Amino acid sequence: MIELRGVSKQFGARWAVRDLDLSVPRGEIFGLLGHNGAGKSTAIGMMLGQVWPTTGQLSICGHDITRDRAKALHRVGAIFETPVFYDYLSGRKNLEILSHYTAPTSPERISKIVEWVGLTGRDGDKVSKYSHGMRTRLALAQALLPAPELLILDEPSDGLDPEGIHEMRLTIQRLQKELGLTILLSSHLLNEVELLCTRIAVVNQGRKVFEGTLAEAKQTKQWIRLKVGDFTKAVACLLTEKLITDTRNESHVALADGVRTDTLVRRLVALDIPVFEIAQEEETLESFYLNLMQDSRAKKPLPAAH
């Protein structure tokens, strides 16, 4: 549904996105992660034809976005940047007006969309009376007007309270299941991405630093929490003997393939290093992401254009 090949975007002397490859298969909820300024919004802007790429190829729903924007976006809905509505009109009237810009939509379908996003009974109220959560639901309703096959959602839960975040998650899951949508979800709420997505890509300083399934992200290394009498000495010995492959935060070690925790304990005891605690720690998306960002900090930012 989405294919990016070598996509870059240059603003003046700065590269916002550089050599980005991305593939989003049909029927998945795909997460796009990255810190503020990492290039996520620029990448989404290019997917929606609102930002013109400097180099590279972008295919949306099988069509080149730069050569045939209308066909590429014909069955695409999106929440991107801050949605704007006519506050003095009702939610339903907004949808009726906005449908003229997307696709002709029958009153029956608008009623169905209102039901899908949980605004039944409130669609007759003026948008000026809507809470932030209701405005977000109205934005989602707008994205559903063209009967999309692909939904692109940029921070759909931004600013919502915990109850609103939970409801938005359930709505996204239900829409994907019942309508068979492909969904690209950009979010900084890692827990929500972990609950919603099957695959993710992580962007840092305009470049992709990871793409794969959530399972692959969590299984990159088998981390062990280790509390010993002399951590520095223990790590030096274990690395020399190739029992571990990495360390982090002066509290964790990554086991080498085929090595178990009991092997570490026996070796440390033999070296006369007291072992106070050793426990396998399950990798979460949050810990994976934070460590990926930490590993990338040493890398230089994108070079200026010449």
Protein backbone atom coordinates (compact mmCIF):
# COMPACT_ATOMS: atom_id res chain seq x y z
CA MET A 1 0.00 0.00 0.00
CA ILE A 2 2.92 2.33 0.71
CA GLU A 3 6.33 2.01 -0.96
CA LEU A 4 9.12 4.54 -0.49
CA ARG A 5 12.44 4.03 -2.22
CA GLY A 6 15.41 6.31 -1.57
CA VAL A 7 13.17 9.20 -0.61
CA SER A 8 14.85 12.42 0.58
CA LYS A 9 13.60 15.91 1.34
CA GLN A 10 15.82 18.95 1.55
CA PHE A 11 14.74 22.31 3.03
CA GLY A 12 17.40 24.84 2.15
CA ALA A 13 20.66 23.49 3.53
CA ARG A 14 18.97 20.94 5.80
CA TRP A 15 17.96 17.39 4.99
CA ALA A 16 14.70 16.58 6.83
CA VAL A 17 14.55 13.05 5.37
CA ARG A 18 17.42 11.18 3.75
CA ASP A 19 17.40 7.93 1.72
CA LEU A 20 14.21 6.61 3.32
CA ASP A 21 12.99 3.17 2.26
CA LEU A 22 9.66 2.03 3.66
CA SER A 23 7.18 -0.72 2.82
CA VAL A 24 3.71 -0.97 4.37
CA PRO A 25 1.85 -4.16 3.34
CA ARG A 26 -1.91 -4.28 2.80
CA GLY A 27 -4.05 -4.99 5.86
CA GLU A 28 -1.51 -4.09 8.57
CA ILE A 29 -1.39 -1.46 11.28
CA PHE A 30 2.11 -0.11 10.79
CA GLY A 31 3.79 2.16 13.33
CA LEU A 32 6.12 5.03 12.38
CA LEU A 33 8.21 6.13 15.36
CA GLY A 34 10.71 8.87 16.00
CA HIS A 35 11.45 11.86 18.21
CA ASN A 36 10.13 15.34 17.44
CA GLY A 37 11.97 16.59 14.38
CA ALA A 38 13.03 13.10 13.28
CA GLY A 39 11.33 13.49 9.90
CA LYS A 40 8.05 11.61 10.47
CA SER A 41 5.74 14.48 9.55
CA THR A 42 7.83 15.37 6.50
CA ALA A 43 7.63 11.74 5.35
CA ILE A 44 3.85 11.68 5.84
CA GLY A 45 3.53 15.03 4.06
CA MET A 46 5.31 13.50 1.06
CA MET A 47 3.02 10.44 1.15
CA LEU A 48 0.00 12.76 1.01
CA GLY A 49 1.41 14.88 -1.81
CA GLN A 50 1.61 17.97 0.40
CA VAL A 51 5.41 18.00 0.45
CA TRP A 52 7.38 17.41 -2.76
CA PRO A 53 10.31 14.98 -2.42
CA THR A 54 13.77 16.16 -3.45
CA THR A 55 14.73 12.67 -4.63
CA GLY A 56 13.28 9.17 -4.58
CA GLN A 57 10.08 7.37 -5.51
CA LEU A 58 6.81 7.21 -3.55
CA SER A 59 4.05 4.79 -4.47
CA ILE A 60 0.69 4.97 -2.66
CA CYS A 61 -1.96 2.34 -3.40
CA GLY A 62 0.02 1.31 -6.48
CA HIS A 63 0.33 4.80 -7.99
CA ASP A 64 3.27 7.20 -8.09
CA ILE A 65 2.33 10.16 -5.87
CA THR A 66 4.42 12.64 -7.86
CA ARG A 67 3.05 11.61 -11.26
CA ASP A 68 -0.58 10.78 -10.46
CA ARG A 69 -1.53 12.31 -7.12
CA ALA A 70 -5.30 12.02 -7.72
CA LYS A 71 -5.22 8.26 -8.34
CA ALA A 72 -2.71 7.65 -5.55
CA LEU A 73 -4.89 9.39 -2.96
CA HIS A 74 -8.30 8.37 -4.32
CA ARG A 75 -8.82 5.79 -1.54
CA VAL A 76 -6.69 7.39 1.17
CA GLY A 77 -7.95 9.05 4.35
CA ALA A 78 -5.75 10.94 6.77
CA ILE A 79 -5.46 12.84 10.01
CA PHE A 80 -2.46 15.10 9.43
CA GLU A 81 -1.43 18.16 11.42
CA THR A 82 -4.26 20.07 13.17
CA PRO A 83 -7.70 19.38 11.63
CA VAL A 84 -9.70 22.55 10.90
CA PHE A 85 -13.49 22.67 11.12
CA TYR A 86 -16.27 25.25 10.94
CA ASP A 87 -16.88 25.70 14.67
CA TYR A 88 -20.21 27.48 14.19
CA LEU A 89 -21.65 24.47 12.30
CA SER A 90 -22.62 21.05 13.55
CA GLY A 91 -20.32 18.06 13.26
CA ARG A 92 -22.63 16.51 10.69
CA LYS A 93 -22.79 19.70 8.60
CA ASN A 94 -18.98 19.82 8.63
CA LEU A 95 -18.86 16.27 7.28
CA GLU A 96 -21.41 17.10 4.57
CA ILE A 97 -19.33 20.09 3.44
CA LEU A 98 -16.01 18.25 3.64
CA SER A 99 -17.40 15.33 1.63
CA HIS A 100 -17.59 17.66 -1.38
CA TYR A 101 -13.79 17.95 -1.24
CA THR A 102 -13.15 14.21 -0.87
CA ALA A 103 -15.90 12.08 -2.39
CA PRO A 104 -19.69 12.29 -2.78
CA THR A 105 -21.08 10.73 0.39
CA SER A 106 -24.69 9.76 0.99
CA PRO A 107 -26.50 10.80 4.21
CA GLU A 108 -26.74 7.13 5.10
CA ARG A 109 -22.99 6.65 4.88
CA ILE A 110 -22.33 9.79 6.91
CA SER A 111 -24.63 8.41 9.61
CA LYS A 112 -22.72 5.13 9.52
CA ILE A 113 -19.37 6.93 9.80
CA VAL A 114 -20.70 8.96 12.75
CA GLU A 115 -21.62 5.67 14.42
CA TRP A 116 -18.21 4.12 13.67
CA VAL A 117 -16.33 6.96 15.39
CA GLY A 118 -18.68 7.17 18.39
CA LEU A 119 -20.36 10.53 17.71
CA THR A 120 -23.93 9.28 17.43
CA GLY A 121 -26.23 11.72 19.22
CA ARG A 122 -23.63 14.48 19.19
CA ASP A 123 -23.25 15.02 15.47
CA GLY A 124 -25.98 17.67 15.58
CA ASP A 125 -24.06 19.78 18.12
CA LYS A 126 -21.95 22.71 17.05
CA VAL A 127 -18.26 21.84 16.82
CA SER A 128 -17.51 24.78 19.13
CA LYS A 129 -19.07 22.71 21.92
CA TYR A 130 -16.95 19.63 21.19
CA SER A 131 -14.25 18.45 23.58
CA HIS A 132 -10.76 17.75 22.23
CA GLY A 133 -11.61 14.05 22.09
CA MET A 134 -14.79 14.69 20.10
CA ARG A 135 -12.90 16.90 17.63
CA THR A 136 -10.40 14.04 17.17
CA ARG A 137 -13.29 11.67 16.46
CA LEU A 138 -14.70 14.15 13.96
CA ALA A 139 -11.28 14.27 12.28
CA LEU A 140 -11.32 10.48 12.06
CA ALA A 141 -14.82 10.64 10.57
CA GLN A 142 -13.55 13.09 7.95
CA ALA A 143 -10.72 10.66 7.11
CA LEU A 144 -13.31 7.92 6.50
CA LEU A 145 -15.42 9.95 4.05
CA PRO A 146 -13.67 8.73 0.85
CA ALA A 147 -14.24 5.05 1.82
CA PRO A 148 -10.47 4.62 2.16
CA GLU A 149 -8.41 1.49 1.78
CA LEU A 150 -5.51 3.26 3.50
CA LEU A 151 -5.65 5.43 6.62
CA ILE A 152 -2.68 7.62 7.56
CA LEU A 153 -2.98 8.83 11.16
CA ASP A 154 -0.42 11.33 12.47
CA GLU A 155 -0.57 11.38 16.30
CA PRO A 156 -4.32 10.55 16.49
CA SER A 157 -4.22 10.30 20.32
CA ASP A 158 -2.26 13.52 20.86
CA GLY A 159 -3.73 15.54 23.73
CA LEU A 160 -6.29 12.92 24.74
CA ASP A 161 -6.79 11.82 28.34
CA PRO A 162 -6.22 8.14 29.25
CA GLU A 163 -9.87 7.28 28.63
CA GLY A 164 -9.80 9.01 25.26
CA ILE A 165 -6.58 7.22 24.28
CA HIS A 166 -8.17 3.88 25.19
CA GLU A 167 -11.30 4.65 23.17
CA MET A 168 -9.26 5.79 20.16
CA ARG A 169 -7.24 2.57 20.28
CA LEU A 170 -10.40 0.44 20.30
CA THR A 171 -11.85 2.48 17.44
CA ILE A 172 -8.73 2.04 15.31
CA GLN A 173 -8.67 -1.71 15.99
CA ARG A 174 -12.36 -2.05 15.14
CA LEU A 175 -12.04 -0.08 11.90
CA GLN A 176 -9.06 -2.11 10.78
CA LYS A 177 -10.84 -5.38 11.53
CA GLU A 178 -14.30 -4.55 10.19
CA LEU A 179 -13.28 -2.50 7.14
CA GLY A 180 -10.02 -4.30 6.33
CA LEU A 181 -8.09 -1.02 6.31
CA THR A 182 -4.35 -0.62 6.05
CA ILE A 183 -3.28 1.91 8.68
CA LEU A 184 -0.06 3.88 9.00
CA LEU A 185 0.12 5.20 12.56
CA SER A 186 2.61 7.83 13.62
CA SER A 187 2.74 8.21 17.39
CA HIS A 188 5.04 9.05 20.28
CA LEU A 189 2.89 6.90 22.64
CA LEU A 190 5.00 3.75 22.56
CA ASN A 191 2.58 1.72 24.66
CA GLU A 192 -0.21 2.41 22.16
CA VAL A 193 2.02 1.46 19.23
CA GLU A 194 2.91 -1.77 21.03
CA LEU A 195 -0.79 -2.59 21.54
CA LEU A 196 -1.88 -1.65 18.02
CA CYS A 197 0.87 -2.37 15.51
CA THR A 198 2.30 -5.54 14.01
CA ARG A 199 5.26 -3.85 12.31
CA ILE A 200 7.17 -0.64 12.97
CA ALA A 201 9.82 1.62 11.47
CA VAL A 202 11.96 3.97 13.56
CA VAL A 203 13.31 7.20 12.10
CA ASN A 204 16.14 9.19 13.68
CA GLN A 205 17.67 12.38 12.25
CA GLY A 206 15.83 11.80 9.00
CA ARG A 207 17.10 8.26 8.46
CA LYS A 208 15.46 4.92 9.10
CA VAL A 209 17.31 3.07 11.85
CA PHE A 210 14.98 0.07 12.17
CA GLU A 211 12.15 -1.63 10.31
CA GLY A 212 10.59 -4.94 11.27
CA THR A 213 7.99 -6.70 13.37
CA LEU A 214 7.44 -5.93 17.04
CA ALA A 215 8.71 -9.42 17.83
CA GLU A 216 11.96 -8.67 15.99
CA ALA A 217 12.33 -5.40 17.88
CA LYS A 218 11.95 -7.12 21.22
CA GLN A 219 14.25 -10.02 20.37
CA THR A 220 17.24 -8.05 19.16
CA LYS A 221 19.16 -9.01 22.31
CA GLN A 222 18.51 -11.12 25.40
CA TRP A 223 19.13 -8.64 28.19
CA ILE A 224 19.95 -9.78 31.72
CA ARG A 225 19.80 -7.55 34.78
CA LEU A 226 23.00 -8.22 36.71
CA LYS A 227 23.94 -6.95 40.16
CA VAL A 228 27.40 -8.05 41.26
CA GLY A 229 30.19 -6.95 43.55
CA ASP A 230 32.32 -5.51 40.73
CA PHE A 231 30.35 -4.90 37.53
CA THR A 232 33.32 -3.55 35.54
CA LYS A 233 35.48 -6.57 36.35
CA ALA A 234 32.62 -8.98 35.70
CA VAL A 235 31.88 -7.45 32.28
CA ALA A 236 35.55 -7.52 31.26
CA CYS A 237 35.84 -11.22 32.10
CA LEU A 238 32.53 -12.19 30.50
CA LEU A 239 33.33 -10.30 27.29
CA THR A 240 36.77 -11.90 27.08
CA GLU A 241 35.23 -15.35 27.42
CA LYS A 242 32.49 -14.41 24.89
CA LEU A 243 29.68 -15.20 27.32
CA ILE A 244 28.10 -11.78 26.73
CA THR A 245 28.00 -9.47 23.72
CA ASP A 246 27.05 -6.07 25.13
CA THR A 247 26.27 -4.02 28.24
CA ARG A 248 24.10 -1.05 29.07
CA ASN A 249 23.56 1.34 31.98
CA GLU A 250 26.15 -0.49 34.12
CA SER A 251 23.37 -2.84 35.17
CA HIS A 252 22.52 -5.05 32.18
CA VAL A 253 24.37 -7.50 29.95
CA ALA A 254 23.33 -9.18 26.71
CA LEU A 255 23.91 -12.93 26.60
CA ALA A 256 25.77 -14.53 23.72
CA ASP A 257 23.83 -17.12 21.70
CA GLY A 258 23.39 -20.37 23.60
CA VAL A 259 24.52 -18.93 26.95
CA ARG A 260 22.20 -19.26 29.94
CA THR A 261 22.09 -17.32 33.20
CA ASP A 262 23.33 -20.30 35.25
CA THR A 263 26.50 -20.32 33.11
CA LEU A 264 27.15 -16.70 34.07
CA VAL A 265 26.57 -17.38 37.76
CA ARG A 266 28.99 -20.32 37.83
CA ARG A 267 31.69 -18.35 36.03
CA LEU A 268 31.33 -15.26 38.22
CA VAL A 269 31.43 -17.35 41.39
CA ALA A 270 34.55 -19.08 40.10
CA LEU A 271 36.09 -15.63 39.59
CA ASP A 272 35.21 -14.77 43.20
CA ILE A 273 32.79 -12.02 42.11
CA PRO A 274 29.71 -11.92 44.40
CA VAL A 275 26.39 -12.22 42.53
CA PHE A 276 23.54 -10.42 44.28
CA GLU A 277 20.94 -10.52 41.53
CA ILE A 278 20.56 -11.97 38.05
CA ALA A 279 17.29 -11.93 36.15
CA GLN A 280 16.17 -12.05 32.54
CA GLU A 281 14.48 -8.81 31.48
CA GLU A 282 11.84 -8.85 28.78
CA GLU A 283 12.50 -6.25 26.11
CA THR A 284 9.62 -3.80 25.70
CA LEU A 285 9.08 -1.46 22.77
CA GLU A 286 9.95 1.42 25.08
CA SER A 287 13.27 -0.07 26.19
CA PHE A 288 14.09 -1.05 22.60
CA TYR A 289 13.29 2.44 21.32
CA LEU A 290 15.19 4.28 24.05
CA ASN A 291 18.28 2.15 23.58
CA LEU A 292 18.08 2.55 19.81
CA MET A 293 17.97 6.32 20.25
CA GLN A 294 20.86 6.18 22.72
CA ASP A 295 22.94 4.19 20.26
CA SER A 296 22.18 6.77 17.56
CA ARG A 297 23.15 9.83 19.58
CA ALA A 298 26.81 9.39 18.71
CA LYS A 299 25.98 9.59 15.02
CA LYS A 300 26.30 12.96 13.37
CA PRO A 301 23.20 14.76 12.09
CA LEU A 302 22.40 14.77 8.41
CA PRO A 303 25.01 16.76 6.48
CA ALA A 304 24.13 20.08 4.95
CA ALA A 305 23.33 20.06 1.27
CA HIS A 306 25.90 21.31 -1.20
